[in-house]
Amino acid sequence: MKTKEYRDELKNKSAEELKVELENAKKELFNLRFQNATNQLDNTARITQVRKNIARINTILVQKTKEA
């Protein structure tokens, strides 16, 4: 999914949905780091993608809390 599409999708979600999305992304990041440590991870670039997605989710969450 393209970055702009993902960002627009996040903006349309509620704060609760974003929190769930954030939790899932953090779990995925943990699993990716664990796989990387045990040399089972093929696509190491996925770690960077997930970290950036977490930052995007946090940014949208902060914006929504400031609006409310």
PDB file of N, CA and C in Angstrom:
ATOM      1  N   MET A   1       0.847  -1.174   0.000  1.00  0.00           N
ATOM      2  CA  MET A   1       0.000   0.000   0.000  1.00  0.00           C
ATOM      3  C   MET A   1       0.895   1.239   0.000  1.00  0.00           C
ATOM      4  N   LYS A   2       0.502   2.185  -0.775  1.00  0.00           N
ATOM      5  CA  LYS A   2       1.273   3.422  -0.855  1.00  0.00           C
ATOM      6  C   LYS A   2       1.124   4.220   0.437  1.00  0.00           C
ATOM      7  N   THR A   3       2.112   5.050   0.689  1.00  0.00           N
ATOM      8  CA  THR A   3       2.149   5.821   1.924  1.00  0.00           C
ATOM      9  C   THR A   3       0.966   6.767   2.045  1.00  0.00           C
ATOM     10  N   LYS A   4       0.648   7.473   0.974  1.00  0.00           N
ATOM     11  CA  LYS A   4      -0.448   8.436   1.022  1.00  0.00           C
ATOM     12  C   LYS A   4      -1.779   7.732   1.261  1.00  0.00           C
ATOM     13  N   GLU A   5      -1.988   6.601   0.612  1.00  0.00           N
ATOM     14  CA  GLU A   5      -3.225   5.842   0.806  1.00  0.00           C
ATOM     15  C   GLU A   5      -3.335   5.363   2.249  1.00  0.00           C
ATOM     16  N   TYR A   6      -2.220   4.883   2.804  1.00  0.00           N
ATOM     17  CA  TYR A   6      -2.204   4.401   4.178  1.00  0.00           C
ATOM     18  C   TYR A   6      -2.499   5.545   5.153  1.00  0.00           C
ATOM     19  N   ARG A   7      -1.892   6.693   4.907  1.00  0.00           N
ATOM     20  CA  ARG A   7      -2.106   7.863   5.765  1.00  0.00           C
ATOM     21  C   ARG A   7      -3.565   8.311   5.711  1.00  0.00           C
ATOM     22  N   ASP A   8      -4.148   8.329   4.530  1.00  0.00           N
ATOM     23  CA  ASP A   8      -5.555   8.707   4.392  1.00  0.00           C
ATOM     24  C   ASP A   8      -6.464   7.707   5.094  1.00  0.00           C
ATOM     25  N   GLU A   9      -6.107   6.437   4.999  1.00  0.00           N
ATOM     26  CA  GLU A   9      -6.876   5.392   5.675  1.00  0.00           C
ATOM     27  C   GLU A   9      -6.835   5.594   7.194  1.00  0.00           C
ATOM     28  N   LEU A  10      -5.662   5.947   7.700  1.00  0.00           N
ATOM     29  CA  LEU A  10      -5.522   6.180   9.139  1.00  0.00           C
ATOM     30  C   LEU A  10      -6.337   7.388   9.593  1.00  0.00           C
ATOM     31  N   LYS A  11      -6.373   8.429   8.779  1.00  0.00           N
ATOM     32  CA  LYS A  11      -7.112   9.639   9.144  1.00  0.00           C
ATOM     33  C   LYS A  11      -8.611   9.378   9.248  1.00  0.00           C
ATOM     34  N   ASN A  12      -9.109   8.381   8.515  1.00  0.00           N
ATOM     35  CA  ASN A  12     -10.530   8.070   8.534  1.00  0.00           C
ATOM     36  C   ASN A  12     -10.928   7.188   9.704  1.00  0.00           C
ATOM     37  N   LYS A  13      -9.956   6.657  10.453  1.00  0.00           N
ATOM     38  CA  LYS A  13     -10.255   5.774  11.572  1.00  0.00           C
ATOM     39  C   LYS A  13     -10.453   6.585  12.847  1.00  0.00           C
ATOM     40  N   SER A  14     -11.182   5.988  13.784  1.00  0.00           N
ATOM     41  CA  SER A  14     -11.392   6.636  15.079  1.00  0.00           C
ATOM     42  C   SER A  14     -10.163   6.418  15.959  1.00  0.00           C
ATOM     43  N   ALA A  15     -10.133   7.112  17.083  1.00  0.00           N
ATOM     44  CA  ALA A  15      -8.995   7.002  18.000  1.00  0.00           C
ATOM     45  C   ALA A  15      -8.865   5.585  18.542  1.00  0.00           C
ATOM     46  N   GLU A  16      -9.989   4.949  18.835  1.00  0.00           N
ATOM     47  CA  GLU A  16      -9.949   3.572  19.354  1.00  0.00           C
ATOM     48  C   GLU A  16      -9.394   2.607  18.305  1.00  0.00           C
ATOM     49  N   GLU A  17      -9.814   2.779  17.068  1.00  0.00           N
ATOM     50  CA  GLU A  17      -9.304   1.931  15.987  1.00  0.00           C
ATOM     51  C   GLU A  17      -7.812   2.151  15.793  1.00  0.00           C
ATOM     52  N   LEU A  18      -7.373   3.388  15.940  1.00  0.00           N
ATOM     53  CA  LEU A  18      -5.953   3.691  15.805  1.00  0.00           C
ATOM     54  C   LEU A  18      -5.145   3.046  16.923  1.00  0.00           C
ATOM     55  N   LYS A  19      -5.703   3.022  18.129  1.00  0.00           N
ATOM     56  CA  LYS A  19      -5.000   2.387  19.240  1.00  0.00           C
ATOM     57  C   LYS A  19      -4.838   0.893  19.006  1.00  0.00           C
ATOM     58  N   VAL A  20      -5.872   0.268  18.459  1.00  0.00           N
ATOM     59  CA  VAL A  20      -5.788  -1.164  18.131  1.00  0.00           C
ATOM     60  C   VAL A  20      -4.752  -1.382  17.040  1.00  0.00           C
ATOM     61  N   GLU A  21      -4.768  -0.533  16.037  1.00  0.00           N
ATOM     62  CA  GLU A  21      -3.806  -0.605  14.939  1.00  0.00           C
ATOM     63  C   GLU A  21      -2.376  -0.435  15.463  1.00  0.00           C
ATOM     64  N   LEU A  22      -2.188   0.483  16.394  1.00  0.00           N
ATOM     65  CA  LEU A  22      -0.880   0.721  16.994  1.00  0.00           C
ATOM     66  C   LEU A  22      -0.403  -0.500  17.771  1.00  0.00           C
ATOM     67  N   GLU A  23      -1.301  -1.083  18.520  1.00  0.00           N
ATOM     68  CA  GLU A  23      -0.962  -2.283  19.294  1.00  0.00           C
ATOM     69  C   GLU A  23      -0.532  -3.420  18.368  1.00  0.00           C
ATOM     70  N   ASN A  24      -1.282  -3.608  17.279  1.00  0.00           N
ATOM     71  CA  ASN A  24      -0.945  -4.661  16.317  1.00  0.00           C
ATOM     72  C   ASN A  24       0.406  -4.396  15.650  1.00  0.00           C
ATOM     73  N   ALA A  25       0.673  -3.145  15.332  1.00  0.00           N
ATOM     74  CA  ALA A  25       1.943  -2.797  14.697  1.00  0.00           C
ATOM     75  C   ALA A  25       3.110  -3.040  15.644  1.00  0.00           C
ATOM     76  N   LYS A  26       2.923  -2.737  16.919  1.00  0.00           N
ATOM     77  CA  LYS A  26       3.984  -2.971  17.897  1.00  0.00           C
ATOM     78  C   LYS A  26       4.247  -4.458  18.082  1.00  0.00           C
ATOM     79  N   LYS A  27       3.186  -5.267  18.049  1.00  0.00           N
ATOM     80  CA  LYS A  27       3.361  -6.720  18.139  1.00  0.00           C
ATOM     81  C   LYS A  27       4.111  -7.244  16.915  1.00  0.00           C
ATOM     82  N   GLU A  28       3.750  -6.719  15.749  1.00  0.00           N
ATOM     83  CA  GLU A  28       4.429  -7.137  14.521  1.00  0.00           C
ATOM     84  C   GLU A  28       5.909  -6.765  14.572  1.00  0.00           C
ATOM     85  N   LEU A  29       6.210  -5.569  15.067  1.00  0.00           N
ATOM     86  CA  LEU A  29       7.594  -5.138  15.177  1.00  0.00           C
ATOM     87  C   LEU A  29       8.372  -6.045  16.125  1.00  0.00           C
ATOM     88  N   PHE A  30       7.764  -6.406  17.235  1.00  0.00           N
ATOM     89  CA  PHE A  30       8.420  -7.320  18.173  1.00  0.00           C
ATOM     90  C   PHE A  30       8.744  -8.647  17.496  1.00  0.00           C
ATOM     91  N   ASN A  31       7.750  -9.194  16.774  1.00  0.00           N
ATOM     92  CA  ASN A  31       7.963 -10.472  16.091  1.00  0.00           C
ATOM     93  C   ASN A  31       9.050 -10.363  15.023  1.00  0.00           C
ATOM     94  N   LEU A  32       9.070  -9.244  14.292  1.00  0.00           N
ATOM     95  CA  LEU A  32      10.096  -9.050  13.270  1.00  0.00           C
ATOM     96  C   LEU A  32      11.482  -8.968  13.888  1.00  0.00           C
ATOM     97  N   ARG A  33      11.600  -8.254  14.995  1.00  0.00           N
ATOM     98  CA  ARG A  33      12.899  -8.151  15.673  1.00  0.00           C
ATOM     99  C   ARG A  33      13.349  -9.512  16.182  1.00  0.00           C
ATOM    100  N   PHE A  34      12.405 -10.285  16.696  1.00  0.00           N
ATOM    101  CA  PHE A  34      12.731 -11.615  17.193  1.00  0.00           C
ATOM    102  C   PHE A  34      13.213 -12.504  16.048  1.00  0.00           C
ATOM    103  N   GLN A  35      12.519 -12.470  14.914  1.00  0.00           N
ATOM    104  CA  GLN A  35      12.927 -13.248  13.743  1.00  0.00           C
ATOM    105  C   GLN A  35      14.293 -12.802  13.242  1.00  0.00           C
ATOM    106  N   ASN A  36      14.544 -11.494  13.284  1.00  0.00           N
ATOM    107  CA  ASN A  36      15.824 -10.972  12.831  1.00  0.00           C
ATOM    108  C   ASN A  36      16.955 -11.460  13.728  1.00  0.00           C
ATOM    109  N   ALA A  37      16.710 -11.501  15.029  1.00  0.00           N
ATOM    110  CA  ALA A  37      17.730 -11.939  15.977  1.00  0.00           C
ATOM    111  C   ALA A  37      18.060 -13.414  15.803  1.00  0.00           C
ATOM    112  N   THR A  38      17.084 -14.194  15.362  1.00  0.00           N
ATOM    113  CA  THR A  38      17.307 -15.629  15.175  1.00  0.00           C
ATOM    114  C   THR A  38      17.611 -15.984  13.710  1.00  0.00           C
ATOM    115  N   ASN A  39      17.882 -14.978  12.903  1.00  0.00           N
ATOM    116  CA  ASN A  39      18.228 -15.155  11.479  1.00  0.00           C
ATOM    117  C   ASN A  39      17.144 -15.882  10.681  1.00  0.00           C
ATOM    118  N   GLN A  40      15.893 -15.622  11.014  1.00  0.00           N
ATOM    119  CA  GLN A  40      14.790 -16.216  10.261  1.00  0.00           C
ATOM    120  C   GLN A  40      14.099 -15.198   9.364  1.00  0.00           C
ATOM    121  N   LEU A  41      14.505 -13.942   9.456  1.00  0.00           N
ATOM    122  CA  LEU A  41      13.834 -12.881   8.713  1.00  0.00           C
ATOM    123  C   LEU A  41      14.497 -12.697   7.351  1.00  0.00           C
ATOM    124  N   ASP A  42      13.674 -12.775   6.305  1.00  0.00           N
ATOM    125  CA  ASP A  42      14.195 -12.604   4.947  1.00  0.00           C
ATOM    126  C   ASP A  42      14.195 -11.140   4.529  1.00  0.00           C
ATOM    127  N   ASN A  43      13.115 -10.426   4.811  1.00  0.00           N
ATOM    128  CA  ASN A  43      12.963  -9.044   4.381  1.00  0.00           C
ATOM    129  C   ASN A  43      13.210  -8.110   5.566  1.00  0.00           C
ATOM    130  N   THR A  44      14.450  -7.699   5.758  1.00  0.00           N
ATOM    131  CA  THR A  44      14.779  -6.842   6.896  1.00  0.00           C
ATOM    132  C   THR A  44      14.241  -5.421   6.728  1.00  0.00           C
ATOM    133  N   ALA A  45      13.911  -5.027   5.520  1.00  0.00           N
ATOM    134  CA  ALA A  45      13.355  -3.694   5.279  1.00  0.00           C
ATOM    135  C   ALA A  45      11.972  -3.557   5.907  1.00  0.00           C
ATOM    136  N   ARG A  46      11.317  -4.657   6.171  1.00  0.00           N
ATOM    137  CA  ARG A  46       9.977  -4.631   6.775  1.00  0.00           C
ATOM    138  C   ARG A  46      10.035  -4.004   8.168  1.00  0.00           C
ATOM    139  N   ILE A  47      11.135  -4.180   8.884  1.00  0.00           N
ATOM    140  CA  ILE A  47      11.280  -3.579  10.213  1.00  0.00           C
ATOM    141  C   ILE A  47      11.173  -2.061  10.105  1.00  0.00           C
ATOM    142  N   THR A  48      11.866  -1.489   9.145  1.00  0.00           N
ATOM    143  CA  THR A  48      11.827  -0.035   8.939  1.00  0.00           C
ATOM    144  C   THR A  48      10.426   0.426   8.562  1.00  0.00           C
ATOM    145  N   GLN A  49       9.754  -0.340   7.710  1.00  0.00           N
ATOM    146  CA  GLN A  49       8.400   0.020   7.298  1.00  0.00           C
ATOM    147  C   GLN A  49       7.448   0.042   8.485  1.00  0.00           C
ATOM    148  N   VAL A  50       7.557  -0.956   9.338  1.00  0.00           N
ATOM    149  CA  VAL A  50       6.656  -1.038  10.491  1.00  0.00           C
ATOM    150  C   VAL A  50       6.957   0.086  11.472  1.00  0.00           C
ATOM    151  N   ARG A  51       8.238   0.408  11.678  1.00  0.00           N
ATOM    152  CA  ARG A  51       8.592   1.509  12.569  1.00  0.00           C
ATOM    153  C   ARG A  51       8.018   2.828  12.072  1.00  0.00           C
ATOM    154  N   LYS A  52       8.078   3.054  10.771  1.00  0.00           N
ATOM    155  CA  LYS A  52       7.530   4.286  10.205  1.00  0.00           C
ATOM    156  C   LYS A  52       6.010   4.306  10.307  1.00  0.00           C
ATOM    157  N   ASN A  53       5.376   3.139  10.138  1.00  0.00           N
ATOM    158  CA  ASN A  53       3.920   3.069  10.291  1.00  0.00           C
ATOM    159  C   ASN A  53       3.507   3.381  11.724  1.00  0.00           C
ATOM    160  N   ILE A  54       4.285   2.904  12.698  1.00  0.00           N
ATOM    161  CA  ILE A  54       4.006   3.211  14.095  1.00  0.00           C
ATOM    162  C   ILE A  54       4.091   4.713  14.320  1.00  0.00           C
ATOM    163  N   ALA A  55       5.091   5.348  13.750  1.00  0.00           N
ATOM    164  CA  ALA A  55       5.226   6.801  13.880  1.00  0.00           C
ATOM    165  C   ALA A  55       4.050   7.518  13.228  1.00  0.00           C
ATOM    166  N   ARG A  56       3.603   7.034  12.087  1.00  0.00           N
ATOM    167  CA  ARG A  56       2.448   7.645  11.412  1.00  0.00           C
ATOM    168  C   ARG A  56       1.192   7.530  12.276  1.00  0.00           C
ATOM    169  N   ILE A  57       0.991   6.357  12.851  1.00  0.00           N
ATOM    170  CA  ILE A  57      -0.183   6.137  13.689  1.00  0.00           C
ATOM    171  C   ILE A  57      -0.134   7.068  14.902  1.00  0.00           C
ATOM    172  N   ASN A  58       1.034   7.167  15.531  1.00  0.00           N
ATOM    173  CA  ASN A  58       1.174   8.057  16.686  1.00  0.00           C
ATOM    174  C   ASN A  58       0.900   9.505  16.313  1.00  0.00           C
ATOM    175  N   THR A  59       1.368   9.928  15.157  1.00  0.00           N
ATOM    176  CA  THR A  59       1.149  11.301  14.704  1.00  0.00           C
ATOM    177  C   THR A  59      -0.335  11.585  14.525  1.00  0.00           C
ATOM    178  N   ILE A  60      -1.049  10.683  13.887  1.00  0.00           N
ATOM    179  CA  ILE A  60      -2.484  10.858  13.659  1.00  0.00           C
ATOM    180  C   ILE A  60      -3.226  10.857  14.999  1.00  0.00           C
ATOM    181  N   LEU A  61      -2.813   9.991  15.920  1.00  0.00           N
ATOM    182  CA  LEU A  61      -3.438   9.948  17.244  1.00  0.00           C
ATOM    183  C   LEU A  61      -3.284  11.281  17.976  1.00  0.00           C
ATOM    184  N   VAL A  62      -2.094  11.854  17.926  1.00  0.00           N
ATOM    185  CA  VAL A  62      -1.854  13.135  18.581  1.00  0.00           C
ATOM    186  C   VAL A  62      -2.707  14.224  17.939  1.00  0.00           C
ATOM    187  N   GLN A  63      -2.786  14.206  16.622  1.00  0.00           N
ATOM    188  CA  GLN A  63      -3.609  15.207  15.927  1.00  0.00           C
ATOM    189  C   GLN A  63      -5.073  15.089  16.346  1.00  0.00           C
ATOM    190  N   LYS A  64      -5.564  13.856  16.454  1.00  0.00           N
ATOM    191  CA  LYS A  64      -6.967  13.653  16.828  1.00  0.00           C
ATOM    192  C   LYS A  64      -7.225  14.087  18.264  1.00  0.00           C
ATOM    193  N   THR A  65      -6.280  13.866  19.160  1.00  0.00           N
ATOM    194  CA  THR A  65      -6.490  14.273  20.548  1.00  0.00           C
ATOM    195  C   THR A  65      -6.426  15.791  20.691  1.00  0.00           C
ATOM    196  N   LYS A  66      -5.625  16.447  19.867  1.00  0.00           N
ATOM    197  CA  LYS A  66      -5.573  17.911  19.911  1.00  0.00           C
ATOM    198  C   LYS A  66      -6.859  18.534  19.368  1.00  0.00           C
ATOM    199  N   GLU A  67      -7.457  17.884  18.384  1.00  0.00           N
ATOM    200  CA  GLU A  67      -8.707  18.386  17.819  1.00  0.00           C
ATOM    201  C   GLU A  67      -9.861  18.269  18.796  1.00  0.00           C
ATOM    202  N   ALA A  68      -9.838  17.209  19.595  1.00  0.00           N
ATOM    203  CA  ALA A  68     -10.948  16.961  20.521  1.00  0.00           C
ATOM    204  C   ALA A  68     -10.899  17.810  21.763  1.00  0.00           C
TER     205      ALA A  68
END
